[in-house]
Amino acid sequence: MVLHFIDPSRPSGEEQSSLQERLSFLSSKPVLTVYTKSDLRSIQTIPV
């Protein structure tokens, strides 16, 4: 399991693509993305 914390200082989308590239070798493992309260206010839906 990978626990990934979002860096709110990066442009939207950049963090996720960076995560996918770096963790591509873990494609069979679950990856959990952790959002802060400020992130949650700007996110309409969170994939589960």
C-alpha atoms as a PDB file:
ATOM      1  CA  MET A   1       0.000   0.000   0.000  1.00  0.00           C
ATOM      2  CA  VAL A   2       1.226   3.486  -0.891  1.00  0.00           C
ATOM      3  CA  LEU A   3       0.070   6.514   1.096  1.00  0.00           C
ATOM      4  CA  HIS A   4       0.516   9.651  -0.978  1.00  0.00           C
ATOM      5  CA  PHE A   5       0.149  13.186   0.359  1.00  0.00           C
ATOM      6  CA  ILE A   6      -0.871  15.890  -2.112  1.00  0.00           C
ATOM      7  CA  ASP A   7       1.368  18.954  -2.263  1.00  0.00           C
ATOM      8  CA  PRO A   8      -1.082  21.881  -2.533  1.00  0.00           C
ATOM      9  CA  SER A   9       1.654  24.198  -3.846  1.00  0.00           C
ATOM     10  CA  ARG A  10       1.802  22.350  -7.184  1.00  0.00           C
ATOM     11  CA  PRO A  11      -0.558  23.124 -10.066  1.00  0.00           C
ATOM     12  CA  SER A  12      -3.663  20.949 -10.199  1.00  0.00           C
ATOM     13  CA  GLY A  13      -3.059  17.693 -12.068  1.00  0.00           C
ATOM     14  CA  GLU A  14       0.740  17.925 -11.916  1.00  0.00           C
ATOM     15  CA  GLU A  15       0.880  16.030  -8.627  1.00  0.00           C
ATOM     16  CA  GLN A  16      -1.289  13.191  -9.891  1.00  0.00           C
ATOM     17  CA  SER A  17       0.675  12.691 -13.130  1.00  0.00           C
ATOM     18  CA  SER A  18       3.940  12.778 -11.171  1.00  0.00           C
ATOM     19  CA  LEU A  19       2.539  10.165  -8.801  1.00  0.00           C
ATOM     20  CA  GLN A  20       1.495   7.895 -11.659  1.00  0.00           C
ATOM     21  CA  GLU A  21       4.921   8.091 -13.299  1.00  0.00           C
ATOM     22  CA  ARG A  22       6.898   7.449 -10.123  1.00  0.00           C
ATOM     23  CA  LEU A  23       4.700   4.623  -8.883  1.00  0.00           C
ATOM     24  CA  SER A  24       4.024   2.866 -12.188  1.00  0.00           C
ATOM     25  CA  PHE A  25       5.970  -0.170 -10.935  1.00  0.00           C
ATOM     26  CA  LEU A  26       3.419  -0.497  -8.117  1.00  0.00           C
ATOM     27  CA  SER A  27       0.428  -0.726 -10.437  1.00  0.00           C
ATOM     28  CA  SER A  28      -0.781  -3.875  -8.683  1.00  0.00           C
ATOM     29  CA  LYS A  29      -0.717  -2.177  -5.269  1.00  0.00           C
ATOM     30  CA  PRO A  30      -3.400   0.155  -3.915  1.00  0.00           C
ATOM     31  CA  VAL A  31      -2.440   3.827  -3.827  1.00  0.00           C
ATOM     32  CA  LEU A  32      -4.221   6.091  -1.350  1.00  0.00           C
ATOM     33  CA  THR A  33      -4.175   9.817  -1.973  1.00  0.00           C
ATOM     34  CA  VAL A  34      -4.488  11.994   1.118  1.00  0.00           C
ATOM     35  CA  TYR A  35      -6.183  15.366   0.754  1.00  0.00           C
ATOM     36  CA  THR A  36      -6.044  18.281   3.183  1.00  0.00           C
ATOM     37  CA  LYS A  37      -9.152  20.211   4.226  1.00  0.00           C
ATOM     38  CA  SER A  38      -8.258  23.008   1.813  1.00  0.00           C
ATOM     39  CA  ASP A  39      -7.962  20.487  -1.036  1.00  0.00           C
ATOM     40  CA  LEU A  40     -11.351  18.969  -0.219  1.00  0.00           C
ATOM     41  CA  ARG A  41     -13.093  22.317  -0.597  1.00  0.00           C
ATOM     42  CA  SER A  42     -11.970  22.531  -4.225  1.00  0.00           C
ATOM     43  CA  ILE A  43     -12.648  18.890  -5.145  1.00  0.00           C
ATOM     44  CA  GLN A  44     -16.195  18.048  -6.254  1.00  0.00           C
ATOM     45  CA  THR A  45     -15.864  14.267  -6.321  1.00  0.00           C
ATOM     46  CA  ILE A  46     -13.165  12.039  -4.893  1.00  0.00           C
ATOM     47  CA  PRO A  47     -12.605   8.664  -6.604  1.00  0.00           C
ATOM     48  CA  VAL A  48     -12.767   5.753  -4.172  1.00  0.00           C
END
